[in-house]
């Protein structure tokens, strides 16, 4: 890893919420909140791509 380069661990929720807009049938206040979250997740993904950070995905271990 180069000096000044960060590593980032992403939860799958960030990825999914960046790809999918919230359903329009949700109550208005929930839709607005989820749309804001969607936009923030898209910004995170865009910045990670632009800055070329190493991205790792978390794994859930269940039995």
N, C-alpha and C. Protein backbone atom coordinates (compact mmCIF):
# COMPACT_ATOMS: atom_id res chain seq x y z
N UNK A 1 0.84 -1.17 0.00
CA UNK A 1 0.00 0.00 0.00
C UNK A 1 0.89 1.24 0.00
N UNK A 2 0.52 2.23 -0.80
CA UNK A 2 1.31 3.44 -0.90
C UNK A 2 1.03 4.35 0.27
N UNK A 3 2.03 5.19 0.59
CA UNK A 3 1.85 6.16 1.66
C UNK A 3 0.72 7.12 1.28
N UNK A 4 -0.13 7.42 2.24
CA UNK A 4 -1.24 8.32 1.98
C UNK A 4 -2.48 7.65 1.42
N UNK A 5 -2.40 6.35 1.16
CA UNK A 5 -3.55 5.62 0.66
C UNK A 5 -4.26 4.95 1.83
N UNK A 6 -5.56 5.07 1.86
CA UNK A 6 -6.33 4.51 2.96
C UNK A 6 -7.00 3.21 2.52
N UNK A 7 -7.27 2.38 3.51
CA UNK A 7 -8.06 1.17 3.29
C UNK A 7 -9.43 1.42 3.90
N UNK A 8 -10.46 0.94 3.24
CA UNK A 8 -11.82 1.16 3.69
C UNK A 8 -12.56 -0.17 3.71
N UNK A 9 -13.31 -0.42 4.78
CA UNK A 9 -14.15 -1.60 4.85
C UNK A 9 -15.59 -1.13 4.70
N UNK A 10 -16.28 -1.68 3.71
CA UNK A 10 -17.67 -1.29 3.46
C UNK A 10 -18.63 -2.39 3.86
N UNK A 11 -19.70 -1.97 4.48
CA UNK A 11 -20.81 -2.88 4.75
C UNK A 11 -21.65 -2.97 3.48
N UNK A 12 -22.23 -4.11 3.22
CA UNK A 12 -23.01 -4.26 2.00
C UNK A 12 -24.19 -3.29 1.94
N UNK A 13 -24.66 -2.82 3.08
CA UNK A 13 -25.75 -1.85 3.10
C UNK A 13 -25.40 -0.59 2.34
N UNK A 14 -24.16 -0.11 2.49
CA UNK A 14 -23.72 1.10 1.79
C UNK A 14 -23.77 0.87 0.29
N UNK A 15 -23.33 -0.29 -0.14
CA UNK A 15 -23.30 -0.59 -1.57
C UNK A 15 -24.73 -0.69 -2.13
N UNK A 16 -25.58 -1.44 -1.44
CA UNK A 16 -26.95 -1.63 -1.91
C UNK A 16 -27.70 -0.30 -1.92
N UNK A 17 -27.58 0.49 -0.86
CA UNK A 17 -28.29 1.76 -0.80
C UNK A 17 -27.75 2.76 -1.82
N UNK A 18 -26.50 2.59 -2.25
CA UNK A 18 -25.97 3.48 -3.29
C UNK A 18 -26.53 3.12 -4.66
N UNK A 19 -26.91 1.87 -4.84
CA UNK A 19 -27.40 1.40 -6.14
C UNK A 19 -28.91 1.55 -6.31
N UNK A 20 -29.64 1.37 -5.22
CA UNK A 20 -31.11 1.33 -5.31
C UNK A 20 -31.74 2.55 -4.63
N UNK A 21 -32.62 3.21 -5.36
CA UNK A 21 -33.39 4.30 -4.76
C UNK A 21 -34.49 3.70 -3.90
N UNK A 22 -34.94 4.44 -2.89
CA UNK A 22 -36.02 3.91 -2.04
C UNK A 22 -37.33 3.82 -2.81
N UNK A 23 -38.20 2.94 -2.36
CA UNK A 23 -39.51 2.75 -2.99
C UNK A 23 -40.37 3.99 -2.76
N UNK A 24 -41.06 4.41 -3.81
CA UNK A 24 -41.87 5.62 -3.73
C UNK A 24 -43.15 5.44 -2.92
N UNK A 25 -43.50 4.21 -2.61
CA UNK A 25 -44.73 3.98 -1.84
C UNK A 25 -44.53 4.17 -0.34
N UNK A 26 -43.31 4.42 0.09
CA UNK A 26 -43.03 4.64 1.51
C UNK A 26 -43.69 5.94 1.98
N UNK A 27 -44.00 6.04 3.27
CA UNK A 27 -44.49 7.32 3.79
C UNK A 27 -43.47 8.43 3.49
N UNK A 28 -43.96 9.62 3.25
CA UNK A 28 -43.12 10.72 2.77
C UNK A 28 -41.88 10.96 3.64
N UNK A 29 -42.02 10.98 4.96
CA UNK A 29 -40.87 11.25 5.83
C UNK A 29 -39.83 10.14 5.74
N UNK A 30 -40.27 8.91 5.62
CA UNK A 30 -39.33 7.79 5.49
C UNK A 30 -38.67 7.81 4.12
N UNK A 31 -39.46 8.09 3.08
CA UNK A 31 -38.90 8.19 1.73
C UNK A 31 -37.82 9.27 1.67
N UNK A 32 -38.10 10.45 2.25
CA UNK A 32 -37.13 11.55 2.24
C UNK A 32 -35.85 11.15 2.96
N UNK A 33 -35.99 10.47 4.09
CA UNK A 33 -34.81 10.03 4.86
C UNK A 33 -34.00 9.02 4.06
N UNK A 34 -34.69 8.06 3.45
CA UNK A 34 -33.99 7.02 2.68
C UNK A 34 -33.37 7.58 1.41
N UNK A 35 -34.01 8.57 0.79
CA UNK A 35 -33.43 9.21 -0.39
C UNK A 35 -32.16 9.97 -0.01
N UNK A 36 -32.17 10.62 1.15
CA UNK A 36 -30.97 11.30 1.64
C UNK A 36 -29.84 10.29 1.89
N UNK A 37 -30.19 9.16 2.48
CA UNK A 37 -29.21 8.10 2.71
C UNK A 37 -28.66 7.57 1.38
N UNK A 38 -29.53 7.37 0.41
CA UNK A 38 -29.12 6.92 -0.93
C UNK A 38 -28.09 7.88 -1.52
N UNK A 39 -28.36 9.16 -1.44
CA UNK A 39 -27.45 10.17 -2.01
C UNK A 39 -26.10 10.16 -1.28
N UNK A 40 -26.12 10.01 0.03
CA UNK A 40 -24.88 9.96 0.81
C UNK A 40 -24.06 8.72 0.44
N UNK A 41 -24.73 7.59 0.28
CA UNK A 41 -24.03 6.35 -0.09
C UNK A 41 -23.44 6.47 -1.48
N UNK A 42 -24.15 7.08 -2.41
CA UNK A 42 -23.61 7.31 -3.76
C UNK A 42 -22.38 8.19 -3.71
N UNK A 43 -22.42 9.22 -2.86
CA UNK A 43 -21.27 10.10 -2.70
C UNK A 43 -20.07 9.34 -2.15
N UNK A 44 -20.30 8.50 -1.16
CA UNK A 44 -19.22 7.69 -0.59
C UNK A 44 -18.59 6.82 -1.68
N UNK A 45 -19.43 6.14 -2.46
CA UNK A 45 -18.90 5.25 -3.51
C UNK A 45 -18.13 6.05 -4.56
N UNK A 46 -18.66 7.21 -4.94
CA UNK A 46 -17.99 8.05 -5.93
C UNK A 46 -16.63 8.52 -5.43
N UNK A 47 -16.56 8.95 -4.17
CA UNK A 47 -15.30 9.42 -3.60
C UNK A 47 -14.27 8.30 -3.50
N UNK A 48 -14.74 7.11 -3.12
CA UNK A 48 -13.82 5.97 -3.03
C UNK A 48 -13.24 5.64 -4.41
N UNK A 49 -14.06 5.71 -5.43
CA UNK A 49 -13.59 5.43 -6.79
C UNK A 49 -12.61 6.51 -7.24
N UNK A 50 -12.95 7.75 -6.98
CA UNK A 50 -12.11 8.87 -7.40
C UNK A 50 -10.75 8.86 -6.70
N UNK A 51 -10.74 8.57 -5.41
CA UNK A 51 -9.50 8.59 -4.62
C UNK A 51 -8.71 7.29 -4.73
N UNK A 52 -9.31 6.29 -5.37
CA UNK A 52 -8.66 4.99 -5.57
C UNK A 52 -8.21 4.34 -4.25
N UNK A 53 -9.09 4.36 -3.27
CA UNK A 53 -8.81 3.70 -2.00
C UNK A 53 -8.97 2.20 -2.16
N UNK A 54 -8.25 1.44 -1.34
CA UNK A 54 -8.46 0.00 -1.28
C UNK A 54 -9.76 -0.24 -0.54
N UNK A 55 -10.66 -0.99 -1.15
CA UNK A 55 -11.97 -1.23 -0.54
C UNK A 55 -12.09 -2.71 -0.22
N UNK A 56 -12.46 -2.99 1.01
CA UNK A 56 -12.70 -4.35 1.46
C UNK A 56 -14.16 -4.47 1.84
N UNK A 57 -14.72 -5.65 1.67
CA UNK A 57 -16.11 -5.89 2.02
C UNK A 57 -16.18 -6.76 3.24
N UNK A 58 -17.01 -6.35 4.19
CA UNK A 58 -17.15 -7.14 5.42
C UNK A 58 -17.86 -8.44 5.12
N UNK A 59 -17.58 -9.43 5.94
CA UNK A 59 -18.23 -10.73 5.79
C UNK A 59 -18.97 -11.04 7.08
N UNK A 60 -20.13 -11.60 6.93
CA UNK A 60 -20.91 -12.01 8.08
C UNK A 60 -20.77 -13.53 8.21
N UNK A 61 -20.33 -13.97 9.36
CA UNK A 61 -20.16 -15.40 9.58
C UNK A 61 -21.33 -15.87 10.42
N UNK A 62 -22.17 -16.70 9.82
CA UNK A 62 -23.32 -17.26 10.55
C UNK A 62 -23.27 -18.77 10.44
N UNK A 63 -23.85 -19.39 11.40
CA UNK A 63 -23.91 -20.86 11.40
C UNK A 63 -25.33 -21.31 11.51
